[in-house]
Amino acid sequence: MWTLDCSNHGDSAILNQDILPDKFVWSDCARDILQLIDEAKIQKPIIGIGHSFGGTSMLMAEIFCPGTFASILVIEPVIRPTDIIKEFALQVTIVTKRRDRWADREAAHANFSKSKFFQSWDPEMLNLYVKYGLYELPSGEVTLKCSKNQEFYTFFYDPSDQYSTFHQMSKIQCPILFVVGNRSNFDYQDLALHKISQCQRSELISVDAGHLVPMEKPAQVAYIIEYFARKFMRNNISQKNQPDDNNLRPVLAML
């Protein structure tokens, strides 16, 4: 399995922190996905997996370069039939006011645990976020790898890729599995059904969660991914040449 952080998230954000612009174009991440596949010579067929912005990026990569993926699993992809940036602009601006420095990881964990936003997270996922989503400053404090300003730029700067992807999904020929949270404020049921209606080959699975499905229900998401990968193998690899469980095809994930 290959996983990647986009340019302003995770360890990529630390590597690029001195050159990150104050704007963000979602389609750049899709091109980065294609570049990674090319540079790393990832062998096809590939299963693409992404959550939220990562899911949108996987879909865009397939639209830009048809045949990149043999199948795609997207969890709560942020794609819309129209430009509705004003509808959640207030939600996005809140991130610029969030706290982003703590004395140490223990203090950060204690602060997160009191936040309503994190209370729905699986405890192990919160522990992993504190361990890998923060880094230590020269002062000894810890801060977010993806700064609150970069998070704002990611979701507020240019929504055009969100709705252009929606209207181009009909071009995607590989199977797509949509996973949505039934308590999500991003992917409500009618919109989810509208999304799959745009696709040639698609399925929909609803999970009892909000938008952050992988953080809230990691075990269920892992089961769905395994189900999807094995279904792909059964449908696309002949019994004669089918590999054993230790030789699953490459998976590229952006969660």
Protein backbone atom coordinates (compact mmCIF):
# COMPACT_ATOMS: atom_id res chain seq x y z
CA MET A 1 0.00 0.00 0.00
CA TRP A 2 1.14 3.52 -0.86
CA THR A 3 -0.12 6.54 1.09
CA LEU A 4 0.54 10.21 0.53
CA ASP A 5 0.00 13.58 2.17
CA CYS A 6 -0.88 16.45 -0.13
CA SER A 7 1.60 19.31 -0.28
CA ASN A 8 0.27 21.24 2.73
CA HIS A 9 -0.72 18.31 4.96
CA GLY A 10 1.27 16.03 7.28
CA ASP A 11 4.99 15.59 6.69
CA SER A 12 4.63 17.17 3.25
CA ALA A 13 3.61 20.41 4.96
CA ILE A 14 6.78 20.41 7.07
CA LEU A 15 8.94 19.70 4.03
CA ASN A 16 7.25 22.49 2.05
CA GLN A 17 6.53 24.99 4.82
CA ASP A 18 8.87 27.68 3.47
CA ILE A 19 7.38 27.61 -0.03
CA LEU A 20 3.66 26.96 0.52
CA PRO A 21 1.53 29.64 -1.20
CA ASP A 22 -1.44 31.42 0.36
CA LYS A 23 -3.79 29.76 -2.09
CA PHE A 24 -4.60 26.17 -2.88
CA VAL A 25 -5.82 24.50 -6.08
CA TRP A 26 -7.33 21.07 -5.55
CA SER A 27 -6.44 19.81 -9.01
CA ASP A 28 -2.75 20.22 -8.15
CA CYS A 29 -3.13 17.36 -5.70
CA ALA A 30 -4.63 15.15 -8.41
CA ARG A 31 -1.60 15.89 -10.57
CA ASP A 32 0.67 15.04 -7.64
CA ILE A 33 -1.06 11.65 -7.39
CA LEU A 34 -0.39 10.99 -11.06
CA GLN A 35 3.22 12.12 -10.64
CA LEU A 36 3.73 9.78 -7.69
CA ILE A 37 2.39 6.82 -9.65
CA ASP A 38 4.73 7.67 -12.52
CA GLU A 39 7.84 8.41 -10.45
CA ALA A 40 7.42 5.43 -8.13
CA LYS A 41 6.47 3.19 -11.05
CA ILE A 42 3.52 1.80 -9.12
CA GLN A 43 2.37 -1.29 -10.96
CA LYS A 44 -1.16 -1.42 -12.32
CA PRO A 45 -3.91 -2.32 -11.67
CA ILE A 46 -4.23 0.16 -8.80
CA ILE A 47 -7.08 0.68 -6.36
CA GLY A 48 -7.43 4.36 -5.38
CA ILE A 49 -8.79 5.25 -1.94
CA GLY A 50 -9.44 8.70 -0.53
CA HIS A 51 -11.41 10.52 2.15
CA SER A 52 -12.97 13.97 1.79
CA PHE A 53 -10.57 16.16 -0.23
CA GLY A 54 -8.46 13.03 -0.80
CA GLY A 55 -11.43 11.28 -2.38
CA THR A 56 -12.05 14.21 -4.69
CA SER A 57 -8.38 14.14 -5.67
CA MET A 58 -8.55 10.45 -6.61
CA LEU A 59 -11.58 11.10 -8.81
CA MET A 60 -9.87 14.07 -10.48
CA ALA A 61 -6.75 12.01 -11.14
CA GLU A 62 -8.84 9.40 -12.96
CA ILE A 63 -10.65 12.11 -14.94
CA PHE A 64 -7.34 13.70 -15.96
CA CYS A 65 -5.75 10.37 -16.90
CA PRO A 66 -8.37 7.68 -17.64
CA GLY A 67 -7.25 4.18 -16.79
CA THR A 68 -5.06 5.24 -13.87
CA PHE A 69 -7.18 3.24 -11.45
CA ALA A 70 -8.87 -0.12 -11.85
CA SER A 71 -11.34 0.87 -9.14
CA ILE A 72 -11.82 3.74 -6.69
CA LEU A 73 -13.19 3.89 -3.15
CA VAL A 74 -14.11 7.37 -1.95
CA ILE A 75 -15.28 8.25 1.55
CA GLU A 76 -17.31 11.45 1.78
CA PRO A 77 -15.69 13.07 -1.30
CA VAL A 78 -16.25 16.83 -1.33
CA ILE A 79 -17.89 17.28 -4.72
CA ARG A 80 -20.95 19.40 -5.47
CA PRO A 81 -23.30 19.96 -8.41
CA THR A 82 -22.99 23.76 -8.01
CA ASP A 83 -20.73 26.31 -6.39
CA ILE A 84 -22.06 26.44 -2.82
CA ILE A 85 -18.97 27.86 -1.18
CA LYS A 86 -21.05 30.53 0.60
CA GLU A 87 -23.12 27.87 2.36
CA PHE A 88 -20.19 26.60 4.41
CA ALA A 89 -17.91 29.63 4.33
CA LEU A 90 -18.65 30.33 7.99
CA GLN A 91 -17.72 26.77 8.97
CA VAL A 92 -14.40 27.12 7.17
CA THR A 93 -13.49 30.51 8.65
CA ILE A 94 -13.81 29.03 12.13
CA VAL A 95 -10.61 27.03 11.57
CA THR A 96 -8.56 30.25 11.51
CA LYS A 97 -9.61 30.90 15.11
CA ARG A 98 -8.77 27.47 16.48
CA ARG A 99 -5.97 26.96 18.93
CA ASP A 100 -2.82 25.65 17.25
CA ARG A 101 -0.10 25.51 19.93
CA TRP A 102 0.22 23.44 23.07
CA ALA A 103 2.90 22.92 25.69
CA ASP A 104 3.37 19.29 24.63
CA ARG A 105 1.47 16.37 23.10
CA GLU A 106 -0.15 15.47 26.42
CA ALA A 107 -1.57 18.99 26.69
CA ALA A 108 -2.77 18.83 23.09
CA HIS A 109 -4.47 15.49 23.71
CA ALA A 110 -6.19 16.85 26.82
CA ASN A 111 -7.41 19.88 24.87
CA PHE A 112 -8.67 17.79 21.96
CA SER A 113 -10.47 15.41 24.31
CA LYS A 114 -12.57 18.30 25.64
CA SER A 115 -13.51 19.48 22.15
CA LYS A 116 -16.91 18.53 20.76
CA PHE A 117 -15.26 18.10 17.36
CA PHE A 118 -13.06 15.23 18.57
CA GLN A 119 -15.49 13.52 20.93
CA SER A 120 -16.89 11.34 18.15
CA TRP A 121 -13.42 10.08 17.18
CA ASP A 122 -12.28 6.57 17.98
CA PRO A 123 -9.77 6.89 20.87
CA GLU A 124 -7.00 5.17 18.91
CA MET A 125 -7.47 7.55 15.99
CA LEU A 126 -7.17 10.54 18.31
CA ASN A 127 -3.96 9.10 19.75
CA LEU A 128 -2.55 8.66 16.24
CA TYR A 129 -3.55 12.22 15.31
CA VAL A 130 -1.71 13.60 18.33
CA LYS A 131 1.33 11.44 17.53
CA TYR A 132 1.55 12.08 13.79
CA GLY A 133 -0.50 15.23 13.13
CA LEU A 134 1.60 17.49 15.34
CA TYR A 135 5.28 18.38 15.41
CA GLU A 136 7.61 19.98 17.92
CA LEU A 137 8.70 23.61 17.58
CA PRO A 138 12.14 24.91 18.64
CA SER A 139 10.44 26.33 21.74
CA GLY A 140 9.44 22.82 22.79
CA GLU A 141 5.77 23.46 22.10
CA VAL A 142 3.86 21.38 19.58
CA THR A 143 1.74 22.66 16.71
CA LEU A 144 -0.30 21.36 13.77
CA LYS A 145 1.58 19.98 10.78
CA CYS A 146 -1.18 21.37 8.58
CA SER A 147 -1.38 24.95 9.83
CA LYS A 148 -4.77 26.49 10.40
CA ASN A 149 -4.08 28.98 7.61
CA GLN A 150 -3.27 26.20 5.15
CA GLU A 151 -6.40 24.34 6.22
CA PHE A 152 -8.37 27.50 5.49
CA TYR A 153 -6.74 27.94 2.07
CA THR A 154 -7.49 24.31 1.20
CA PHE A 155 -11.23 24.62 1.68
CA PHE A 156 -11.93 28.27 0.93
CA TYR A 157 -9.71 29.48 -1.89
CA ASP A 158 -11.23 27.95 -5.03
CA PRO A 159 -14.25 25.58 -5.02
CA SER A 160 -14.37 25.16 -8.80
CA ASP A 161 -12.72 21.72 -8.76
CA GLN A 162 -15.45 20.46 -6.44
CA TYR A 163 -18.26 21.03 -8.89
CA SER A 164 -16.29 20.44 -12.09
CA THR A 165 -15.43 16.98 -10.75
CA PHE A 166 -19.10 16.31 -10.04
CA HIS A 167 -20.06 17.09 -13.63
CA GLN A 168 -17.24 14.97 -15.09
CA MET A 169 -17.74 11.81 -13.04
CA SER A 170 -19.72 10.28 -15.90
CA LYS A 171 -16.39 10.01 -17.77
CA ILE A 172 -14.99 7.57 -15.20
CA GLN A 173 -15.34 4.00 -16.44
CA CYS A 174 -13.91 2.06 -13.50
CA PRO A 175 -16.11 0.96 -10.56
CA ILE A 176 -16.51 3.50 -7.76
CA LEU A 177 -17.63 2.74 -4.22
CA PHE A 178 -19.00 5.73 -2.31
CA VAL A 179 -18.93 5.52 1.49
CA VAL A 180 -20.94 8.20 3.30
CA GLY A 181 -21.71 9.04 6.91
CA ASN A 182 -25.42 9.09 7.63
CA ARG A 183 -24.89 11.97 10.07
CA SER A 184 -22.65 13.97 7.74
CA ASN A 185 -23.18 17.68 7.17
CA PHE A 186 -21.24 17.39 3.89
CA ASP A 187 -22.72 14.36 2.16
CA TYR A 188 -26.38 14.21 3.07
CA GLN A 189 -28.38 11.32 1.59
CA ASP A 190 -29.95 13.10 -1.39
CA LEU A 191 -26.60 14.51 -2.49
CA ALA A 192 -24.94 11.11 -2.11
CA LEU A 193 -27.57 9.52 -4.35
CA HIS A 194 -27.16 12.38 -6.81
CA LYS A 195 -23.43 11.68 -6.95
CA ILE A 196 -23.73 7.99 -7.75
CA SER A 197 -26.33 8.77 -10.41
CA GLN A 198 -23.58 10.60 -12.32
CA CYS A 199 -21.37 7.51 -12.51
CA GLN A 200 -21.28 4.63 -14.95
CA ARG A 201 -20.53 1.96 -12.32
CA SER A 202 -21.05 2.83 -8.68
CA GLU A 203 -22.19 1.56 -5.29
CA LEU A 204 -23.12 3.33 -2.07
CA ILE A 205 -22.49 2.25 1.52
CA SER A 206 -23.82 4.31 4.43
CA VAL A 207 -22.04 4.23 7.80
CA ASP A 208 -23.33 5.50 11.14
CA ALA A 209 -20.91 8.42 11.34
CA GLY A 210 -20.40 12.06 10.46
CA HIS A 211 -18.14 13.41 7.72
CA LEU A 212 -14.99 12.04 9.38
CA VAL A 213 -15.91 8.40 8.85
CA PRO A 214 -12.34 6.96 9.04
CA MET A 215 -11.70 8.76 12.34
CA GLU A 216 -15.01 7.74 13.88
CA LYS A 217 -15.36 4.17 12.58
CA PRO A 218 -11.86 2.95 11.57
CA ALA A 219 -12.61 -0.77 11.99
CA GLN A 220 -15.70 -0.53 9.80
CA VAL A 221 -13.78 1.43 7.16
CA ALA A 222 -11.02 -1.20 7.18
CA TYR A 223 -13.63 -3.92 6.66
CA ILE A 224 -15.18 -2.00 3.74
CA ILE A 225 -11.76 -1.52 2.12
CA GLU A 226 -11.01 -5.23 2.46
CA TYR A 227 -14.41 -6.10 1.00
CA PHE A 228 -13.85 -3.75 -1.93
CA ALA A 229 -10.33 -5.04 -2.66
CA ARG A 230 -11.41 -8.69 -2.56
CA LYS A 231 -14.43 -7.97 -4.74
CA PHE A 232 -12.12 -6.33 -7.26
CA MET A 233 -9.88 -9.40 -7.27
CA ARG A 234 -12.79 -11.78 -7.78
CA ASN A 235 -14.22 -9.73 -10.63
CA ASN A 236 -11.01 -8.88 -12.45
CA ILE A 237 -8.50 -11.66 -11.93
CA SER A 238 -9.14 -15.12 -13.29
CA GLN A 239 -9.16 -18.04 -10.89
CA LYS A 240 -6.12 -19.51 -12.63
CA ASN A 241 -3.99 -16.43 -12.13
CA GLN A 242 -5.52 -15.12 -8.93
CA PRO A 243 -2.81 -14.21 -6.40
CA ASP A 244 -2.90 -15.33 -2.81
CA ASP A 245 -3.71 -12.99 0.06
CA ASN A 246 -0.10 -11.81 0.28
CA ASN A 247 -0.11 -10.46 -3.27
CA LEU A 248 -3.00 -8.00 -3.40
CA ARG A 249 -2.75 -5.32 -6.06
CA PRO A 250 -1.29 -1.90 -5.17
CA VAL A 251 -3.51 0.44 -3.18
CA LEU A 252 -2.93 4.20 -3.22
CA ALA A 253 -4.59 5.94 -0.28
CA MET A 254 -5.12 9.55 0.76
CA LEU A 255 -7.18 9.58 3.95
